[in-house]
Amino acid sequence: MSKKPENYCLPLGQNRGLSRRDAILAGLAGTASTSLIGSTPGQADEPHQTVGSSSADDRKASPKRYAAKKSINLWAFPYPDRMSLEECLQLAKDAGFDGIELNYDLDNDLSPKASPKDFLRIRRLADRIGIEISGLCSFLFWPYPLTSLDDTKRNRGIELAGMIGDAAAAMNVENVLVVPGAVHIPWRDDHDPVPNDVCEKLAREAIGKLVPSAEKNGVSLNMENIFFNGFLMTPMEMNDFVDGFGSDHVQVHFDTGNISMFQHAEHWVPILGERTKNIHFKEFTKKGTDYSLETFRPLLDGTTNWPALMQELDKLDYQGYVTFEYFHPYPHYPEALVYQTSDSLNRILGRELQGPLG
């Protein structure tokens, strides 16, 4: 500890002499300001309390530190239009994420055009940057549903799902998100509605064809819950579907936002139990009336009960990834969304807060 100058004085802490009158006025001012801002004992001395300490402020962040790992989906980045894959990986690392979820498409770095060597280069790039690949995701399950009444579309969907699994295996990535079927797809006008019983039958057939390869490659096919597709609308239905394959390589990718229109994410967690292999943290607002992909929000700008959700995940000792999924990079200064999301996840998970916001 450095020695204070002889003329150092309190309460102003300035290196100059202080008269009795100044000291009294300073004390009064300090008392008044404390009263105005409504601080509690100890707050004035600890403006940046450490999350997880006994004096943690639950208005700032969760008082409890959770073990889940932070991840973000590539859709939150302006890729490939304004950022390369390497730039996205580096930005995610710089923003404090443990992992990033990559998306398989028909024409990008992860696509049918890529070879196993290309996928291996992506793996090595991530390793060099120091960020994990938390899983693979794809929007191709919508133009090519695994339960389409069109045989050509359905078979192409099964083929693409197998290719996504192969890409994951080539990159030594365990988690593959799978949309097992759809009764209805509200954002597409080229999908004929599928009767519920037919949808379930076709979904079981499709996933059954994918299981042997997944088991051979050590890949987990994780079924995602989605309200908009009208299939597997309750956790009990999801459990029955997943358990029906009798394979450890068919599990659940739980999405908090996809069921929040009429249900509550924290209610699904204990029912799904340890089947939950991977998670999307997607914010949703019940106050809105737009029931489309546009209704999802940046984290904390919605009605999700994050403390209750984390308590339920903690009961399961969930230590996997929680991945922010958002479909619209900010059109201006897109890094802002990435850093804001990292900060929001720190608060949800009870991690140490960075910078002046902490």
Protein backbone atom coordinates (compact mmCIF):
# COMPACT_ATOMS: atom_id res chain seq x y z
CA MET A 1 0.00 0.00 0.00
CA SER A 2 1.40 3.40 -0.97
CA LYS A 3 1.91 6.00 1.71
CA LYS A 4 -0.60 8.88 1.61
CA PRO A 5 0.81 12.41 1.36
CA GLU A 6 0.87 14.28 4.64
CA ASN A 7 -1.75 16.74 3.43
CA TYR A 8 -4.10 13.96 2.17
CA CYS A 9 -7.52 14.44 3.73
CA LEU A 10 -10.89 12.75 3.94
CA PRO A 11 -13.73 12.74 3.02
CA LEU A 12 -12.78 14.52 -0.21
CA GLY A 13 -9.58 12.51 -0.64
CA GLN A 14 -7.76 15.44 -2.21
CA ASN A 15 -4.15 16.41 -1.70
CA ARG A 16 -4.85 19.76 -0.13
CA GLY A 17 -5.71 21.18 3.26
CA LEU A 18 -9.34 21.04 4.40
CA SER A 19 -11.01 23.43 6.81
CA ARG A 20 -13.50 22.25 9.42
CA ARG A 21 -16.29 24.05 7.52
CA ASP A 22 -15.40 22.28 4.25
CA ALA A 23 -15.33 18.93 5.99
CA ILE A 24 -18.80 19.44 7.48
CA LEU A 25 -20.23 20.55 4.13
CA ALA A 26 -18.64 17.57 2.38
CA GLY A 27 -20.11 15.20 4.93
CA LEU A 28 -23.56 16.69 4.50
CA ALA A 29 -23.29 16.48 0.72
CA GLY A 30 -22.24 12.84 0.91
CA THR A 31 -25.18 12.02 3.19
CA ALA A 32 -27.61 13.78 0.89
CA SER A 33 -26.36 12.06 -2.25
CA THR A 34 -26.56 8.67 -0.55
CA SER A 35 -30.14 9.36 0.44
CA LEU A 36 -31.12 10.54 -3.04
CA ILE A 37 -29.79 7.48 -4.87
CA GLY A 38 -31.23 5.10 -2.29
CA SER A 39 -28.01 3.19 -1.66
CA THR A 40 -27.84 0.55 1.00
CA PRO A 41 -25.02 0.03 3.51
CA GLY A 42 -21.86 -1.05 1.77
CA GLN A 43 -22.88 0.05 -1.74
CA ALA A 44 -21.01 3.34 -1.60
CA ASP A 45 -17.80 1.51 -0.77
CA GLU A 46 -18.37 -1.23 -3.36
CA PRO A 47 -19.71 0.30 -6.57
CA HIS A 48 -18.55 -2.70 -8.62
CA GLN A 49 -19.44 -5.73 -6.52
CA THR A 50 -18.22 -9.13 -7.62
CA VAL A 51 -20.97 -11.39 -8.94
CA GLY A 52 -21.30 -14.43 -6.74
CA SER A 53 -20.27 -12.66 -3.52
CA SER A 54 -22.62 -12.49 -0.54
CA SER A 55 -23.29 -8.84 -1.34
CA ALA A 56 -24.09 -9.39 -5.04
CA ASP A 57 -26.85 -7.17 -6.40
CA ASP A 58 -29.52 -9.23 -8.19
CA ARG A 59 -30.56 -6.12 -10.11
CA LYS A 60 -27.26 -6.41 -11.97
CA ALA A 61 -26.89 -10.14 -12.50
CA SER A 62 -27.64 -13.56 -11.09
CA PRO A 63 -26.13 -13.88 -7.60
CA LYS A 64 -25.36 -17.51 -8.42
CA ARG A 65 -22.66 -18.60 -10.86
CA TYR A 66 -23.88 -21.28 -13.29
CA ALA A 67 -21.69 -23.77 -15.12
CA ALA A 68 -23.31 -23.53 -18.58
CA LYS A 69 -21.05 -22.40 -21.43
CA LYS A 70 -21.69 -19.27 -23.51
CA SER A 71 -22.29 -19.68 -27.23
CA ILE A 72 -23.71 -17.65 -30.10
CA ASN A 73 -25.17 -18.69 -33.44
CA LEU A 74 -23.55 -17.48 -36.64
CA TRP A 75 -26.85 -15.92 -37.76
CA ALA A 76 -26.17 -13.04 -35.35
CA PHE A 77 -23.19 -12.01 -37.51
CA PRO A 78 -23.29 -10.31 -40.94
CA TYR A 79 -21.91 -13.47 -42.56
CA PRO A 80 -20.97 -13.88 -45.34
CA ASP A 81 -21.88 -10.45 -46.72
CA ARG A 82 -19.75 -8.27 -44.44
CA MET A 83 -17.67 -10.70 -42.38
CA SER A 84 -15.71 -13.81 -43.24
CA LEU A 85 -16.06 -16.95 -41.15
CA GLU A 86 -12.66 -16.30 -39.60
CA GLU A 87 -13.70 -12.77 -38.62
CA CYS A 88 -16.87 -14.11 -37.01
CA LEU A 89 -14.98 -16.74 -35.02
CA GLN A 90 -12.46 -14.15 -33.84
CA LEU A 91 -15.18 -11.66 -32.88
CA ALA A 92 -17.01 -14.31 -30.87
CA LYS A 93 -13.78 -15.14 -29.06
CA ASP A 94 -12.95 -11.48 -28.42
CA ALA A 95 -16.46 -10.88 -27.05
CA GLY A 96 -15.98 -13.62 -24.46
CA PHE A 97 -17.92 -16.56 -25.90
CA ASP A 98 -16.83 -20.12 -25.18
CA GLY A 99 -18.32 -21.45 -28.40
CA ILE A 100 -20.08 -20.61 -31.64
CA GLU A 101 -22.81 -22.55 -33.44
CA LEU A 102 -22.25 -22.80 -37.19
CA ASN A 103 -24.91 -23.09 -39.87
CA TYR A 104 -24.91 -25.53 -42.78
CA ASP A 105 -26.35 -24.13 -46.01
CA LEU A 106 -26.29 -24.78 -49.74
CA ASP A 107 -23.70 -22.13 -50.50
CA ASN A 108 -21.30 -21.10 -47.74
CA ASP A 109 -18.21 -22.45 -45.95
CA LEU A 110 -20.30 -25.31 -44.58
CA SER A 111 -22.24 -26.76 -47.50
CA PRO A 112 -22.43 -29.78 -49.81
CA LYS A 113 -19.70 -28.07 -51.82
CA ALA A 114 -17.21 -28.41 -48.96
CA SER A 115 -14.96 -31.45 -48.65
CA PRO A 116 -13.89 -33.23 -45.44
CA LYS A 117 -10.58 -31.36 -45.76
CA ASP A 118 -12.49 -28.06 -45.87
CA PHE A 119 -14.35 -28.99 -42.68
CA LEU A 120 -11.08 -29.97 -41.03
CA ARG A 121 -9.62 -26.57 -41.92
CA ILE A 122 -12.58 -24.90 -40.19
CA ARG A 123 -11.95 -27.03 -37.12
CA ARG A 124 -8.29 -26.06 -37.06
CA LEU A 125 -9.19 -22.40 -37.58
CA ALA A 126 -11.47 -22.51 -34.54
CA ASP A 127 -8.77 -24.27 -32.53
CA ARG A 128 -6.20 -21.65 -33.50
CA ILE A 129 -8.52 -18.84 -32.46
CA GLY A 130 -9.40 -20.68 -29.27
CA ILE A 131 -13.16 -21.10 -29.60
CA GLU A 132 -15.26 -24.26 -29.58
CA ILE A 133 -17.88 -25.18 -32.17
CA SER A 134 -20.91 -25.78 -29.98
CA GLY A 135 -22.96 -27.44 -32.69
CA LEU A 136 -24.26 -27.36 -36.25
CA CYS A 137 -27.59 -25.87 -37.22
CA SER A 138 -29.38 -25.42 -40.56
CA PHE A 139 -32.34 -23.67 -42.12
CA LEU A 140 -32.49 -26.38 -44.79
CA PHE A 141 -35.02 -28.34 -42.74
CA TRP A 142 -37.66 -25.85 -43.93
CA PRO A 143 -37.34 -26.02 -47.73
CA TYR A 144 -36.64 -29.76 -47.41
CA PRO A 145 -38.75 -31.00 -44.45
CA LEU A 146 -38.10 -34.53 -43.24
CA THR A 147 -41.88 -35.05 -43.23
CA SER A 148 -42.80 -33.40 -46.54
CA LEU A 149 -45.57 -35.09 -48.49
CA ASP A 150 -43.39 -34.49 -51.54
CA ASP A 151 -41.13 -37.54 -51.80
CA THR A 152 -38.42 -35.57 -53.62
CA LYS A 153 -38.24 -32.87 -50.95
CA ARG A 154 -38.38 -35.38 -48.11
CA ASN A 155 -35.62 -37.56 -49.52
CA ARG A 156 -33.45 -34.53 -50.20
CA GLY A 157 -34.01 -33.40 -46.61
CA ILE A 158 -32.89 -36.77 -45.27
CA GLU A 159 -29.85 -36.65 -47.54
CA LEU A 160 -28.91 -33.15 -46.37
CA ALA A 161 -29.41 -34.09 -42.71
CA GLY A 162 -26.97 -36.95 -43.23
CA MET A 163 -24.47 -34.58 -44.83
CA ILE A 164 -24.75 -32.21 -41.86
CA GLY A 165 -23.96 -35.14 -39.57
CA ASP A 166 -20.96 -36.06 -41.71
CA ALA A 167 -19.72 -32.46 -41.59
CA ALA A 168 -20.02 -32.49 -37.81
CA ALA A 169 -18.05 -35.72 -37.61
CA ALA A 170 -15.32 -34.29 -39.85
CA MET A 171 -14.98 -31.30 -37.50
CA ASN A 172 -15.21 -33.42 -34.35
CA VAL A 173 -18.43 -31.61 -33.40
CA GLU A 174 -20.88 -33.65 -31.35
CA ASN A 175 -24.14 -31.67 -31.55
CA VAL A 176 -26.35 -31.53 -34.64
CA LEU A 177 -29.68 -29.72 -34.41
CA VAL A 178 -32.48 -31.54 -36.23
CA VAL A 179 -36.00 -30.35 -37.02
CA PRO A 180 -37.72 -33.75 -37.17
CA GLY A 181 -40.86 -32.65 -38.97
CA ALA A 182 -43.51 -30.03 -39.63
CA VAL A 183 -47.28 -30.10 -39.77
CA HIS A 184 -47.24 -26.47 -40.90
CA ILE A 185 -44.58 -23.95 -41.94
CA PRO A 186 -46.12 -20.45 -41.70
CA TRP A 187 -43.28 -18.63 -43.47
CA ARG A 188 -43.37 -20.82 -46.58
CA ASP A 189 -46.11 -21.01 -49.21
CA ASP A 190 -44.71 -24.15 -50.85
CA HIS A 191 -45.45 -26.55 -47.98
CA ASP A 192 -48.66 -28.54 -47.94
CA PRO A 193 -49.99 -29.16 -44.40
CA VAL A 194 -49.20 -32.64 -43.13
CA PRO A 195 -51.72 -34.51 -40.92
CA ASN A 196 -50.36 -34.97 -37.41
CA ASP A 197 -50.30 -38.77 -37.47
CA VAL A 198 -48.64 -38.80 -40.89
CA CYS A 199 -46.10 -36.24 -39.71
CA GLU A 200 -45.12 -38.41 -36.75
CA LYS A 201 -44.88 -41.54 -38.90
CA LEU A 202 -42.66 -39.84 -41.48
CA ALA A 203 -40.51 -38.20 -38.80
CA ARG A 204 -39.81 -41.52 -37.10
CA GLU A 205 -38.91 -43.06 -40.43
CA ALA A 206 -36.56 -40.20 -41.34
CA ILE A 207 -34.71 -40.05 -38.02
CA GLY A 208 -34.51 -43.84 -37.98
CA LYS A 209 -32.57 -43.69 -41.25
CA LEU A 210 -30.10 -41.20 -39.76
CA VAL A 211 -29.40 -42.98 -36.48
CA PRO A 212 -26.93 -45.65 -37.70
CA SER A 213 -24.60 -43.07 -39.23
CA ALA A 214 -24.87 -40.84 -36.15
CA GLU A 215 -23.96 -43.74 -33.88
CA LYS A 216 -21.03 -44.68 -36.11
CA ASN A 217 -19.72 -41.09 -36.23
CA GLY A 218 -20.31 -40.29 -32.56
CA VAL A 219 -22.73 -37.50 -33.43
CA SER A 220 -25.79 -36.57 -31.37
CA LEU A 221 -28.96 -35.83 -33.35
CA ASN A 222 -30.78 -33.32 -31.16
CA MET A 223 -34.49 -32.80 -31.86
CA GLU A 224 -35.57 -29.16 -31.60
CA ASN A 225 -38.92 -28.05 -30.19
CA ILE A 226 -40.68 -25.52 -32.43
CA PHE A 227 -44.19 -24.19 -31.88
CA PHE A 228 -44.52 -22.77 -35.37
CA ASN A 229 -44.30 -26.18 -37.05
CA GLY A 230 -47.17 -27.74 -35.08
CA PHE A 231 -45.20 -30.88 -34.18
CA LEU A 232 -44.05 -32.15 -30.76
CA MET A 233 -45.95 -29.40 -28.97
CA THR A 234 -45.37 -30.60 -25.40
CA PRO A 235 -42.32 -31.92 -23.52
CA MET A 236 -44.11 -35.22 -23.00
CA GLU A 237 -44.53 -35.68 -26.76
CA MET A 238 -40.87 -34.79 -27.26
CA ASN A 239 -39.78 -37.34 -24.66
CA ASP A 240 -41.89 -40.07 -26.25
CA PHE A 241 -40.47 -39.30 -29.69
CA VAL A 242 -36.83 -39.24 -28.56
CA ASP A 243 -37.09 -42.28 -26.32
CA GLY A 244 -38.70 -44.28 -29.13
CA PHE A 245 -35.36 -44.65 -30.91
CA GLY A 246 -33.62 -46.27 -27.94
CA SER A 247 -30.35 -44.54 -28.85
CA ASP A 248 -28.10 -42.24 -26.85
CA HIS A 249 -27.43 -40.47 -30.14
CA VAL A 250 -30.99 -39.08 -30.34
CA GLN A 251 -31.49 -36.34 -27.77
CA VAL A 252 -33.12 -32.90 -27.43
CA HIS A 253 -32.06 -29.45 -28.55
CA PHE A 254 -34.17 -27.28 -26.25
CA ASP A 255 -35.11 -23.81 -27.52
CA THR A 256 -36.43 -21.41 -24.89
CA GLY A 257 -38.12 -19.05 -27.34
CA ASN A 258 -39.80 -21.56 -29.63
CA ILE A 259 -42.42 -22.58 -27.07
CA SER A 260 -42.85 -19.25 -25.30
CA MET A 261 -45.90 -18.10 -27.24
CA PHE A 262 -48.22 -20.11 -24.99
CA GLN A 263 -45.91 -21.96 -22.60
CA HIS A 264 -42.97 -21.28 -20.28
CA ALA A 265 -39.41 -22.43 -20.83
CA GLU A 266 -38.75 -23.20 -17.16
CA HIS A 267 -41.63 -25.72 -17.17
CA TRP A 268 -40.08 -27.81 -19.95
CA VAL A 269 -36.67 -28.22 -18.34
CA PRO A 270 -37.49 -30.70 -15.54
CA ILE A 271 -39.77 -32.74 -17.83
CA LEU A 272 -37.16 -33.09 -20.58
CA GLY A 273 -34.61 -33.90 -17.89
CA GLU A 274 -31.22 -35.15 -19.00
CA ARG A 275 -32.38 -35.62 -22.59
CA THR A 276 -31.45 -31.97 -23.15
CA LYS A 277 -28.12 -32.08 -24.95
CA ASN A 278 -27.91 -28.53 -26.26
CA ILE A 279 -29.88 -25.30 -25.75
CA HIS A 280 -30.86 -22.19 -27.66
CA PHE A 281 -31.40 -19.11 -25.53
CA LYS A 282 -33.90 -17.23 -27.65
CA GLU A 283 -35.73 -14.24 -26.19
CA PHE A 284 -39.47 -13.92 -26.76
CA THR A 285 -42.08 -11.38 -25.69
CA LYS A 286 -45.59 -12.45 -24.79
CA LYS A 287 -46.64 -8.80 -25.05
CA GLY A 288 -46.39 -8.79 -28.83
CA THR A 289 -48.87 -9.97 -31.46
CA ASP A 290 -46.40 -10.79 -34.24
CA TYR A 291 -46.12 -14.56 -34.20
CA SER A 292 -43.33 -14.95 -36.71
CA LEU A 293 -39.55 -15.08 -36.69
CA GLU A 294 -39.67 -11.30 -36.18
CA THR A 295 -41.05 -11.72 -32.67
CA PHE A 296 -37.73 -12.88 -31.21
CA ARG A 297 -35.71 -10.26 -29.35
CA PRO A 298 -32.20 -9.60 -28.07
CA LEU A 299 -31.63 -11.28 -24.71
CA LEU A 300 -33.33 -9.65 -21.68
CA ASP A 301 -35.66 -7.58 -23.91
CA GLY A 302 -38.60 -9.93 -23.50
CA THR A 303 -40.73 -11.84 -21.02
CA THR A 304 -38.56 -14.95 -20.45
CA ASN A 305 -38.09 -15.67 -16.74
CA TRP A 306 -34.34 -16.22 -16.90
CA PRO A 307 -33.78 -16.65 -13.13
CA ALA A 308 -36.46 -19.36 -12.96
CA LEU A 309 -35.10 -21.06 -16.07
CA MET A 310 -31.55 -21.11 -14.70
CA GLN A 311 -32.74 -22.54 -11.39
CA GLU A 312 -34.34 -25.46 -13.22
CA LEU A 313 -31.25 -26.07 -15.36
CA ASP A 314 -29.11 -25.93 -12.23
CA LYS A 315 -31.18 -28.71 -10.67
CA LEU A 316 -30.13 -30.89 -13.61
CA ASP A 317 -26.51 -29.74 -13.26
CA TYR A 318 -26.60 -28.67 -16.91
CA GLN A 319 -23.07 -27.80 -18.02
CA GLY A 320 -23.50 -27.74 -21.79
CA TYR A 321 -23.83 -24.79 -24.13
CA VAL A 322 -26.47 -22.08 -24.06
CA THR A 323 -26.47 -20.50 -27.52
CA PHE A 324 -28.00 -17.17 -28.42
CA GLU A 325 -29.96 -17.58 -31.66
CA TYR A 326 -31.06 -14.47 -33.52
CA PHE A 327 -31.71 -14.10 -37.21
CA HIS A 328 -30.96 -10.43 -37.82
CA PRO A 329 -27.47 -8.98 -37.43
CA TYR A 330 -27.56 -5.29 -36.62
CA PRO A 331 -27.45 -3.41 -39.95
CA HIS A 332 -25.17 -0.78 -38.43
CA TYR A 333 -22.25 -1.62 -36.11
CA PRO A 334 -23.05 -5.35 -35.99
CA GLU A 335 -20.41 -5.96 -33.32
CA ALA A 336 -22.76 -4.27 -30.86
CA LEU A 337 -25.20 -7.19 -30.88
CA VAL A 338 -22.40 -9.66 -30.23
CA TYR A 339 -20.98 -7.74 -27.27
CA GLN A 340 -24.43 -6.93 -25.85
CA THR A 341 -25.32 -10.60 -25.99
CA SER A 342 -22.11 -11.58 -24.24
CA ASP A 343 -22.88 -9.11 -21.46
CA SER A 344 -26.47 -10.36 -21.16
CA LEU A 345 -25.31 -13.98 -20.90
CA ASN A 346 -22.79 -12.98 -18.22
CA ARG A 347 -25.67 -11.56 -16.20
CA ILE A 348 -27.92 -14.59 -16.76
CA LEU A 349 -25.13 -17.03 -15.88
CA GLY A 350 -23.75 -15.01 -12.96
CA ARG A 351 -20.38 -14.49 -14.58
CA GLU A 352 -18.04 -11.64 -13.82
CA LEU A 353 -19.20 -8.46 -15.53
CA GLN A 354 -16.75 -6.62 -17.73
CA GLY A 355 -16.12 -2.91 -18.17
CA PRO A 356 -18.01 0.05 -16.69
CA LEU A 357 -21.36 -1.75 -16.98
CA GLY A 358 -20.20 -4.15 -14.28
